[in-house]
Structures are given as structure tokens and as C-alpha cells.
Amino acid sequence: MSVVRSHTYSVDPADLEEFLARRASLIGTVRETHPGLTAALLVELEDGTYSDTWHWESDAQMGAALAAISTFPEAPLTMALTRDAAALNGRVVDER
């Protein structure tokens, strides 16, 4: 089964366009250097926060990418535009 890393955070509306550009660049770099990222889904929730879930083929692939996060210059640039960030890892147990 696949695994996910789910983030929640807020982004100032004035920073959203720049955040989306930086996030796209980060996703591109991760995919180039760490295969296995199958989807990255960003959802704006009704309270104005965001849920950002990255789906990985395996725990090993996700772990390798997370271990290398400090080598991606886009990561701190992207996250600098967020506040109240939290992250959780999980395993997909049912997908239809």
C-alpha cells in the first residue's frame, strides 16, 4: 500500500500566488530526484487553511525524500510563506 505525508498550514492570501509557484518548483525537484511521488494534492479547507497531501509509492521512497529535504533549496523558501504548519505520515488502508 502507498503512504502519505499530510501537511496542514495557513498561507496569507497575498502570498498565495508565490506560494503556489514555489510549491510547484519543490514538487518538480522532489520528483526529479526521488521517484515515487505519485500525487500532491492541495486543498483549501472551509476555515481558510490548507491540507497538502503527498502520496508516495512506498515508505522507503518517502523516507528517502524526507531525509534529503535539507538539500532542496525550495523547501525552506516554500514553507517560509506558511504559518501554523503541522505534518503527519500515514499509510493508505483503503482506496477506491
PDB file of N, CA and C in Angstrom:
ATOM      1  N   MET A   1       0.830  -1.191   0.000  1.00  0.00           N
ATOM      2  CA  MET A   1       0.000   0.000   0.000  1.00  0.00           C
ATOM      3  C   MET A   1       0.867   1.245   0.000  1.00  0.00           C
ATOM      4  N   SER A   2       0.335   2.290  -0.530  1.00  0.00           N
ATOM      5  CA  SER A   2       1.072   3.552  -0.582  1.00  0.00           C
ATOM      6  C   SER A   2       1.027   4.252   0.775  1.00  0.00           C
ATOM      7  N   VAL A   3       1.855   5.266   0.896  1.00  0.00           N
ATOM      8  CA  VAL A   3       1.921   6.062   2.119  1.00  0.00           C
ATOM      9  C   VAL A   3       1.718   7.531   1.760  1.00  0.00           C
ATOM     10  N   VAL A   4       1.360   8.319   2.765  1.00  0.00           N
ATOM     11  CA  VAL A   4       1.139   9.741   2.541  1.00  0.00           C
ATOM     12  C   VAL A   4       1.840  10.560   3.611  1.00  0.00           C
ATOM     13  N   ARG A   5       2.145  11.770   3.240  1.00  0.00           N
ATOM     14  CA  ARG A   5       2.600  12.790   4.197  1.00  0.00           C
ATOM     15  C   ARG A   5       1.596  13.924   4.048  1.00  0.00           C
ATOM     16  N   SER A   6       0.913  14.225   5.125  1.00  0.00           N
ATOM     17  CA  SER A   6      -0.133  15.236   5.101  1.00  0.00           C
ATOM     18  C   SER A   6       0.294  16.439   5.921  1.00  0.00           C
ATOM     19  N   HIS A   7       0.229  17.596   5.302  1.00  0.00           N
ATOM     20  CA  HIS A   7       0.589  18.856   5.952  1.00  0.00           C
ATOM     21  C   HIS A   7      -0.675  19.693   6.097  1.00  0.00           C
ATOM     22  N   THR A   8      -0.751  20.459   7.159  1.00  0.00           N
ATOM     23  CA  THR A   8      -1.768  21.497   7.283  1.00  0.00           C
ATOM     24  C   THR A   8      -1.054  22.794   7.628  1.00  0.00           C
ATOM     25  N   TYR A   9      -1.546  23.884   7.074  1.00  0.00           N
ATOM     26  CA  TYR A   9      -0.933  25.187   7.334  1.00  0.00           C
ATOM     27  C   TYR A   9      -1.833  26.286   6.813  1.00  0.00           C
ATOM     28  N   SER A  10      -1.449  27.500   7.138  1.00  0.00           N
ATOM     29  CA  SER A  10      -2.116  28.699   6.626  1.00  0.00           C
ATOM     30  C   SER A  10      -1.155  29.434   5.704  1.00  0.00           C
ATOM     31  N   VAL A  11      -1.719  30.128   4.746  1.00  0.00           N
ATOM     32  CA  VAL A  11      -0.945  30.974   3.840  1.00  0.00           C
ATOM     33  C   VAL A  11      -1.681  32.304   3.729  1.00  0.00           C
ATOM     34  N   ASP A  12      -0.962  33.396   3.888  1.00  0.00           N
ATOM     35  CA  ASP A  12      -1.575  34.711   3.724  1.00  0.00           C
ATOM     36  C   ASP A  12      -2.082  34.825   2.290  1.00  0.00           C
ATOM     37  N   PRO A  13      -3.322  35.265   2.096  1.00  0.00           N
ATOM     38  CA  PRO A  13      -3.846  35.383   0.724  1.00  0.00           C
ATOM     39  C   PRO A  13      -2.945  36.200  -0.203  1.00  0.00           C
ATOM     40  N   ALA A  14      -2.261  37.183   0.327  1.00  0.00           N
ATOM     41  CA  ALA A  14      -1.358  37.995  -0.503  1.00  0.00           C
ATOM     42  C   ALA A  14      -0.160  37.193  -0.991  1.00  0.00           C
ATOM     43  N   ASP A  15       0.166  36.099  -0.305  1.00  0.00           N
ATOM     44  CA  ASP A  15       1.320  35.269  -0.664  1.00  0.00           C
ATOM     45  C   ASP A  15       0.942  34.024  -1.455  1.00  0.00           C
ATOM     46  N   LEU A  16      -0.344  33.797  -1.682  1.00  0.00           N
ATOM     47  CA  LEU A  16      -0.780  32.526  -2.267  1.00  0.00           C
ATOM     48  C   LEU A  16      -0.175  32.259  -3.644  1.00  0.00           C
ATOM     49  N   GLU A  17      -0.181  33.221  -4.526  1.00  0.00           N
ATOM     50  CA  GLU A  17       0.363  33.003  -5.876  1.00  0.00           C
ATOM     51  C   GLU A  17       1.838  32.604  -5.812  1.00  0.00           C
ATOM     52  N   GLU A  18       2.611  33.309  -5.005  1.00  0.00           N
ATOM     53  CA  GLU A  18       4.030  32.988  -4.858  1.00  0.00           C
ATOM     54  C   GLU A  18       4.210  31.620  -4.196  1.00  0.00           C
ATOM     55  N   PHE A  19       3.388  31.333  -3.198  1.00  0.00           N
ATOM     56  CA  PHE A  19       3.450  30.031  -2.539  1.00  0.00           C
ATOM     57  C   PHE A  19       3.205  28.905  -3.546  1.00  0.00           C
ATOM     58  N   LEU A  20       2.183  29.057  -4.387  1.00  0.00           N
ATOM     59  CA  LEU A  20       1.870  28.018  -5.377  1.00  0.00           C
ATOM     60  C   LEU A  20       3.019  27.815  -6.355  1.00  0.00           C
ATOM     61  N   ALA A  21       3.660  28.888  -6.751  1.00  0.00           N
ATOM     62  CA  ALA A  21       4.817  28.774  -7.660  1.00  0.00           C
ATOM     63  C   ALA A  21       5.971  28.051  -6.978  1.00  0.00           C
ATOM     64  N   ARG A  22       6.253  28.416  -5.735  1.00  0.00           N
ATOM     65  CA  ARG A  22       7.343  27.760  -5.004  1.00  0.00           C
ATOM     66  C   ARG A  22       7.020  26.291  -4.745  1.00  0.00           C
ATOM     67  N   ARG A  23       5.770  25.999  -4.391  1.00  0.00           N
ATOM     68  CA  ARG A  23       5.363  24.613  -4.143  1.00  0.00           C
ATOM     69  C   ARG A  23       5.529  23.779  -5.415  1.00  0.00           C
ATOM     70  N   ALA A  24       5.132  24.330  -6.566  1.00  0.00           N
ATOM     71  CA  ALA A  24       5.278  23.615  -7.835  1.00  0.00           C
ATOM     72  C   ALA A  24       6.745  23.324  -8.126  1.00  0.00           C
ATOM     73  N   SER A  25       7.614  24.284  -7.856  1.00  0.00           N
ATOM     74  CA  SER A  25       9.044  24.079  -8.059  1.00  0.00           C
ATOM     75  C   SER A  25       9.575  22.993  -7.126  1.00  0.00           C
ATOM     76  N   LEU A  26       9.153  23.014  -5.871  1.00  0.00           N
ATOM     77  CA  LEU A  26       9.571  21.994  -4.917  1.00  0.00           C
ATOM     78  C   LEU A  26       9.114  20.607  -5.352  1.00  0.00           C
ATOM     79  N   ILE A  27       7.876  20.493  -5.771  1.00  0.00           N
ATOM     80  CA  ILE A  27       7.359  19.193  -6.227  1.00  0.00           C
ATOM     81  C   ILE A  27       8.166  18.701  -7.430  1.00  0.00           C
ATOM     82  N   GLY A  28       8.481  19.589  -8.356  1.00  0.00           N
ATOM     83  CA  GLY A  28       9.272  19.205  -9.518  1.00  0.00           C
ATOM     84  C   GLY A  28      10.650  18.685  -9.128  1.00  0.00           C
ATOM     85  N   THR A  29      11.298  19.368  -8.199  1.00  0.00           N
ATOM     86  CA  THR A  29      12.617  18.928  -7.748  1.00  0.00           C
ATOM     87  C   THR A  29      12.543  17.589  -7.036  1.00  0.00           C
ATOM     88  N   VAL A  30      11.558  17.423  -6.181  1.00  0.00           N
ATOM     89  CA  VAL A  30      11.402  16.149  -5.475  1.00  0.00           C
ATOM     90  C   VAL A  30      11.189  15.023  -6.474  1.00  0.00           C
ATOM     91  N   ARG A  31      10.326  15.236  -7.451  1.00  0.00           N
ATOM     92  CA  ARG A  31      10.061  14.181  -8.445  1.00  0.00           C
ATOM     93  C   ARG A  31      11.290  13.852  -9.279  1.00  0.00           C
ATOM     94  N   GLU A  32      12.107  14.855  -9.581  1.00  0.00           N
ATOM     95  CA  GLU A  32      13.324  14.618 -10.367  1.00  0.00           C
ATOM     96  C   GLU A  32      14.347  13.797  -9.598  1.00  0.00           C
ATOM     97  N   THR A  33      14.429  14.019  -8.298  1.00  0.00           N
ATOM     98  CA  THR A  33      15.489  13.407  -7.505  1.00  0.00           C
ATOM     99  C   THR A  33      15.053  12.199  -6.685  1.00  0.00           C
ATOM    100  N   HIS A  34      13.760  12.051  -6.451  1.00  0.00           N
ATOM    101  CA  HIS A  34      13.239  10.952  -5.633  1.00  0.00           C
ATOM    102  C   HIS A  34      11.966  10.393  -6.259  1.00  0.00           C
ATOM    103  N   PRO A  35      12.101   9.353  -7.070  1.00  0.00           N
ATOM    104  CA  PRO A  35      10.917   8.768  -7.697  1.00  0.00           C
ATOM    105  C   PRO A  35       9.990   8.197  -6.638  1.00  0.00           C
ATOM    106  N   GLY A  36       8.743   8.106  -6.985  1.00  0.00           N
ATOM    107  CA  GLY A  36       7.776   7.510  -6.082  1.00  0.00           C
ATOM    108  C   GLY A  36       6.702   8.469  -5.623  1.00  0.00           C
ATOM    109  N   LEU A  37       6.890   9.768  -5.836  1.00  0.00           N
ATOM    110  CA  LEU A  37       5.849  10.732  -5.501  1.00  0.00           C
ATOM    111  C   LEU A  37       4.785  10.648  -6.597  1.00  0.00           C
ATOM    112  N   THR A  38       3.632  10.091  -6.256  1.00  0.00           N
ATOM    113  CA  THR A  38       2.606   9.845  -7.269  1.00  0.00           C
ATOM    114  C   THR A  38       1.578  10.958  -7.369  1.00  0.00           C
ATOM    115  N   ALA A  39       1.386  11.722  -6.304  1.00  0.00           N
ATOM    116  CA  ALA A  39       0.411  12.815  -6.330  1.00  0.00           C
ATOM    117  C   ALA A  39       0.712  13.784  -5.202  1.00  0.00           C
ATOM    118  N   ALA A  40       0.393  15.036  -5.444  1.00  0.00           N
ATOM    119  CA  ALA A  40       0.488  16.073  -4.414  1.00  0.00           C
ATOM    120  C   ALA A  40      -0.791  16.899  -4.531  1.00  0.00           C
ATOM    121  N   LEU A  41      -1.646  16.779  -3.543  1.00  0.00           N
ATOM    122  CA  LEU A  41      -2.975  17.380  -3.596  1.00  0.00           C
ATOM    123  C   LEU A  41      -3.089  18.489  -2.558  1.00  0.00           C
ATOM    124  N   LEU A  42      -3.350  19.700  -3.011  1.00  0.00           N
ATOM    125  CA  LEU A  42      -3.527  20.847  -2.128  1.00  0.00           C
ATOM    126  C   LEU A  42      -5.001  21.216  -2.109  1.00  0.00           C
ATOM    127  N   VAL A  43      -5.576  21.268  -0.902  1.00  0.00           N
ATOM    128  CA  VAL A  43      -6.995  21.577  -0.738  1.00  0.00           C
ATOM    129  C   VAL A  43      -7.136  22.760   0.199  1.00  0.00           C
ATOM    130  N   GLU A  44      -7.889  23.770  -0.235  1.00  0.00           N
ATOM    131  CA  GLU A  44      -8.225  24.857   0.677  1.00  0.00           C
ATOM    132  C   GLU A  44      -9.458  24.436   1.464  1.00  0.00           C
ATOM    133  N   LEU A  45      -9.331  24.416   2.767  1.00  0.00           N
ATOM    134  CA  LEU A  45     -10.426  23.998   3.634  1.00  0.00           C
ATOM    135  C   LEU A  45     -11.347  25.182   3.933  1.00  0.00           C
ATOM    136  N   GLU A  46     -12.531  24.886   4.399  1.00  0.00           N
ATOM    137  CA  GLU A  46     -13.530  25.937   4.602  1.00  0.00           C
ATOM    138  C   GLU A  46     -13.115  26.969   5.650  1.00  0.00           C
ATOM    139  N   ASP A  47     -12.182  26.628   6.516  1.00  0.00           N
ATOM    140  CA  ASP A  47     -11.715  27.594   7.513  1.00  0.00           C
ATOM    141  C   ASP A  47     -10.572  28.462   6.995  1.00  0.00           C
ATOM    142  N   GLY A  48     -10.192  28.286   5.707  1.00  0.00           N
ATOM    143  CA  GLY A  48      -9.140  29.090   5.097  1.00  0.00           C
ATOM    144  C   GLY A  48      -7.749  28.486   5.205  1.00  0.00           C
ATOM    145  N   THR A  49      -7.612  27.373   5.935  1.00  0.00           N
ATOM    146  CA  THR A  49      -6.319  26.696   5.998  1.00  0.00           C
ATOM    147  C   THR A  49      -6.195  25.748   4.811  1.00  0.00           C
ATOM    148  N   TYR A  50      -5.024  25.153   4.676  1.00  0.00           N
ATOM    149  CA  TYR A  50      -4.762  24.249   3.557  1.00  0.00           C
ATOM    150  C   TYR A  50      -4.372  22.875   4.074  1.00  0.00           C
ATOM    151  N   SER A  51      -4.817  21.869   3.358  1.00  0.00           N
ATOM    152  CA  SER A  51      -4.398  20.483   3.566  1.00  0.00           C
ATOM    153  C   SER A  51      -3.598  20.096   2.328  1.00  0.00           C
ATOM    154  N   ASP A  52      -2.372  19.676   2.538  1.00  0.00           N
ATOM    155  CA  ASP A  52      -1.467  19.363   1.433  1.00  0.00           C
ATOM    156  C   ASP A  52      -0.986  17.922   1.632  1.00  0.00           C
ATOM    157  N   THR A  53      -1.485  17.019   0.814  1.00  0.00           N
ATOM    158  CA  THR A  53      -1.187  15.597   0.988  1.00  0.00           C
ATOM    159  C   THR A  53      -0.375  15.089  -0.183  1.00  0.00           C
ATOM    160  N   TRP A  54       0.784  14.512   0.141  1.00  0.00           N
ATOM    161  CA  TRP A  54       1.689  13.955  -0.862  1.00  0.00           C
ATOM    162  C   TRP A  54       1.619  12.446  -0.777  1.00  0.00           C
ATOM    163  N   HIS A  55       1.297  11.797  -1.874  1.00  0.00           N
ATOM    164  CA  HIS A  55       1.169  10.338  -1.940  1.00  0.00           C
ATOM    165  C   HIS A  55       2.445   9.733  -2.520  1.00  0.00           C
ATOM    166  N   TRP A  56       2.928   8.696  -1.850  1.00  0.00           N
ATOM    167  CA  TRP A  56       4.164   8.016  -2.240  1.00  0.00           C
ATOM    168  C   TRP A  56       3.890   6.547  -2.489  1.00  0.00           C
ATOM    169  N   GLU A  57       4.631   5.944  -3.421  1.00  0.00           N
ATOM    170  CA  GLU A  57       4.500   4.518  -3.706  1.00  0.00           C
ATOM    171  C   GLU A  57       4.896   3.659  -2.522  1.00  0.00           C
ATOM    172  N   SER A  58       5.902   4.103  -1.758  1.00  0.00           N
ATOM    173  CA  SER A  58       6.364   3.288  -0.635  1.00  0.00           C
ATOM    174  C   SER A  58       6.907   4.158   0.490  1.00  0.00           C
ATOM    175  N   ASP A  59       6.945   3.557   1.667  1.00  0.00           N
ATOM    176  CA  ASP A  59       7.509   4.223   2.836  1.00  0.00           C
ATOM    177  C   ASP A  59       8.994   4.525   2.613  1.00  0.00           C
ATOM    178  N   ALA A  60       9.699   3.610   1.972  1.00  0.00           N
ATOM    179  CA  ALA A  60      11.130   3.804   1.720  1.00  0.00           C
ATOM    180  C   ALA A  60      11.370   5.018   0.824  1.00  0.00           C
ATOM    181  N   GLN A  61      10.556   5.186  -0.217  1.00  0.00           N
ATOM    182  CA  GLN A  61      10.724   6.331  -1.112  1.00  0.00           C
ATOM    183  C   GLN A  61      10.408   7.641  -0.397  1.00  0.00           C
ATOM    184  N   MET A  62       9.344   7.643   0.392  1.00  0.00           N
ATOM    185  CA  MET A  62       9.009   8.842   1.145  1.00  0.00           C
ATOM    186  C   MET A  62      10.115   9.149   2.153  1.00  0.00           C
ATOM    187  N   GLY A  63      10.586   8.136   2.845  1.00  0.00           N
ATOM    188  CA  GLY A  63      11.643   8.326   3.837  1.00  0.00           C
ATOM    189  C   GLY A  63      12.912   8.885   3.236  1.00  0.00           C
ATOM    190  N   ALA A  64      13.272   8.401   2.054  1.00  0.00           N
ATOM    191  CA  ALA A  64      14.481   8.901   1.387  1.00  0.00           C
ATOM    192  C   ALA A  64      14.332  10.381   1.027  1.00  0.00           C
ATOM    193  N   ALA A  65      13.178  10.749   0.540  1.00  0.00           N
ATOM    194  CA  ALA A  65      12.942  12.156   0.191  1.00  0.00           C
ATOM    195  C   ALA A  65      12.944  13.036   1.439  1.00  0.00           C
ATOM    196  N   LEU A  66      12.308  12.575   2.500  1.00  0.00           N
ATOM    197  CA  LEU A  66      12.286  13.359   3.735  1.00  0.00           C
ATOM    198  C   LEU A  66      13.689  13.509   4.319  1.00  0.00           C
ATOM    199  N   ALA A  67      14.490  12.469   4.218  1.00  0.00           N
ATOM    200  CA  ALA A  67      15.864  12.525   4.721  1.00  0.00           C
ATOM    201  C   ALA A  67      16.700  13.544   3.945  1.00  0.00           C
ATOM    202  N   ALA A  68      16.331  13.775   2.697  1.00  0.00           N
ATOM    203  CA  ALA A  68      17.094  14.690   1.845  1.00  0.00           C
ATOM    204  C   ALA A  68      16.482  16.094   1.782  1.00  0.00           C
ATOM    205  N   ILE A  69      15.451  16.356   2.569  1.00  0.00           N
ATOM    206  CA  ILE A  69      14.731  17.624   2.456  1.00  0.00           C
ATOM    207  C   ILE A  69      15.650  18.832   2.592  1.00  0.00           C
ATOM    208  N   SER A  70      16.687  18.722   3.385  1.00  0.00           N
ATOM    209  CA  SER A  70      17.594  19.868   3.567  1.00  0.00           C
ATOM    210  C   SER A  70      18.402  20.178   2.310  1.00  0.00           C
ATOM    211  N   THR A  71      18.416  19.270   1.345  1.00  0.00           N
ATOM    212  CA  THR A  71      19.150  19.511   0.098  1.00  0.00           C
ATOM    213  C   THR A  71      18.287  20.196  -0.960  1.00  0.00           C
ATOM    214  N   PHE A  72      17.007  20.391  -0.677  1.00  0.00           N
ATOM    215  CA  PHE A  72      16.098  21.050  -1.622  1.00  0.00           C
ATOM    216  C   PHE A  72      15.962  22.521  -1.240  1.00  0.00           C
ATOM    217  N   PRO A  73      16.608  23.429  -1.972  1.00  0.00           N
ATOM    218  CA  PRO A  73      16.532  24.843  -1.596  1.00  0.00           C
ATOM    219  C   PRO A  73      15.103  25.382  -1.626  1.00  0.00           C
ATOM    220  N   GLU A  74      14.233  24.751  -2.397  1.00  0.00           N
ATOM    221  CA  GLU A  74      12.846  25.223  -2.495  1.00  0.00           C
ATOM    222  C   GLU A  74      12.056  24.979  -1.210  1.00  0.00           C
ATOM    223  N   ALA A  75      12.461  23.997  -0.416  1.00  0.00           N
ATOM    224  CA  ALA A  75      11.678  23.631   0.771  1.00  0.00           C
ATOM    225  C   ALA A  75      11.566  24.786   1.772  1.00  0.00           C
ATOM    226  N   PRO A  76      12.684  25.358   2.250  1.00  0.00           N
ATOM    227  CA  PRO A  76      12.515  26.460   3.206  1.00  0.00           C
ATOM    228  C   PRO A  76      11.894  27.703   2.571  1.00  0.00           C
ATOM    229  N   LEU A  77      12.150  27.925   1.281  1.00  0.00           N
ATOM    230  CA  LEU A  77      11.546  29.073   0.609  1.00  0.00           C
ATOM    231  C   LEU A  77      10.024  28.930   0.541  1.00  0.00           C
ATOM    232  N   THR A  78       9.565  27.718   0.290  1.00  0.00           N
ATOM    233  CA  THR A  78       8.131  27.460   0.217  1.00  0.00           C
ATOM    234  C   THR A  78       7.497  27.570   1.601  1.00  0.00           C
ATOM    235  N   MET A  79       8.076  26.893   2.561  1.00  0.00           N
ATOM    236  CA  MET A  79       7.494  26.863   3.897  1.00  0.00           C
ATOM    237  C   MET A  79       7.586  28.207   4.605  1.00  0.00           C
ATOM    238  N   ALA A  80       8.475  29.094   4.158  1.00  0.00           N
ATOM    239  CA  ALA A  80       8.572  30.429   4.750  1.00  0.00           C
ATOM    240  C   ALA A  80       7.284  31.223   4.557  1.00  0.00           C
ATOM    241  N   LEU A  81       6.479  30.842   3.571  1.00  0.00           N
ATOM    242  CA  LEU A  81       5.220  31.536   3.305  1.00  0.00           C
ATOM    243  C   LEU A  81       4.036  30.930   4.063  1.00  0.00           C
ATOM    244  N   THR A  82       4.303  29.935   4.914  1.00  0.00           N
ATOM    245  CA  THR A  82       3.231  29.299   5.676  1.00  0.00           C
ATOM    246  C   THR A  82       3.361  29.669   7.149  1.00  0.00           C
ATOM    247  N   ARG A  83       2.284  29.409   7.877  1.00  0.00           N
ATOM    248  CA  ARG A  83       2.317  29.554   9.335  1.00  0.00           C
ATOM    249  C   ARG A  83       1.437  28.463   9.937  1.00  0.00           C
ATOM    250  N   ASP A  84       1.681  28.188  11.190  1.00  0.00           N
ATOM    251  CA  ASP A  84       0.923  27.157  11.915  1.00  0.00           C
ATOM    252  C   ASP A  84       0.985  25.807  11.204  1.00  0.00           C
ATOM    253  N   ALA A  85       2.164  25.440  10.731  1.00  0.00           N
ATOM    254  CA  ALA A  85       2.329  24.206   9.961  1.00  0.00           C
ATOM    255  C   ALA A  85       2.447  22.987  10.882  1.00  0.00           C
ATOM    256  N   ALA A  86       1.851  21.896  10.423  1.00  0.00           N
ATOM    257  CA  ALA A  86       1.965  20.605  11.097  1.00  0.00           C
ATOM    258  C   ALA A  86       2.003  19.529  10.021  1.00  0.00           C
ATOM    259  N   ALA A  87       2.626  18.390  10.323  1.00  0.00           N
ATOM    260  CA  ALA A  87       2.715  17.299   9.350  1.00  0.00           C
ATOM    261  C   ALA A  87       2.538  15.964  10.052  1.00  0.00           C
ATOM    262  N   LEU A  88       1.907  15.029   9.336  1.00  0.00           N
ATOM    263  CA  LEU A  88       1.726  13.658   9.809  1.00  0.00           C
ATOM    264  C   LEU A  88       1.966  12.703   8.660  1.00  0.00           C
ATOM    265  N   ASN A  89       2.519  11.540   8.968  1.00  0.00           N
ATOM    266  CA  ASN A  89       2.679  10.484   7.980  1.00  0.00           C
ATOM    267  C   ASN A  89       1.586   9.448   8.198  1.00  0.00           C
ATOM    268  N   GLY A  90       1.207   8.753   7.121  1.00  0.00           N
ATOM    269  CA  GLY A  90       0.194   7.719   7.241  1.00  0.00           C
ATOM    270  C   GLY A  90       0.327   6.685   6.153  1.00  0.00           C
ATOM    271  N   ARG A  91      -0.419   5.607   6.302  1.00  0.00           N
ATOM    272  CA  ARG A  91      -0.420   4.503   5.347  1.00  0.00           C
ATOM    273  C   ARG A  91      -1.835   4.361   4.797  1.00  0.00           C
ATOM    274  N   VAL A  92      -1.980   4.291   3.487  1.00  0.00           N
ATOM    275  CA  VAL A  92      -3.283   4.138   2.860  1.00  0.00           C
ATOM    276  C   VAL A  92      -3.778   2.712   3.145  1.00  0.00           C
ATOM    277  N   VAL A  93      -4.948   2.607   3.735  1.00  0.00           N
ATOM    278  CA  VAL A  93      -5.507   1.294   4.041  1.00  0.00           C
ATOM    279  C   VAL A  93      -6.707   0.945   3.163  1.00  0.00           C
ATOM    280  N   ASP A  94      -7.275   1.939   2.499  1.00  0.00           N
ATOM    281  CA  ASP A  94      -8.383   1.677   1.572  1.00  0.00           C
ATOM    282  C   ASP A  94      -8.444   2.824   0.576  1.00  0.00           C
ATOM    283  N   GLU A  95      -8.446   2.487  -0.691  1.00  0.00           N
ATOM    284  CA  GLU A  95      -8.528   3.490  -1.753  1.00  0.00           C
ATOM    285  C   GLU A  95      -9.457   2.953  -2.819  1.00  0.00           C
ATOM    286  N   ARG A  96     -10.430   3.709  -3.177  1.00  0.00           N
ATOM    287  CA  ARG A  96     -11.422   3.247  -4.172  1.00  0.00           C
ATOM    288  C   ARG A  96     -11.485   4.177  -5.359  1.00  0.00           C
TER     289      ARG A  96
END
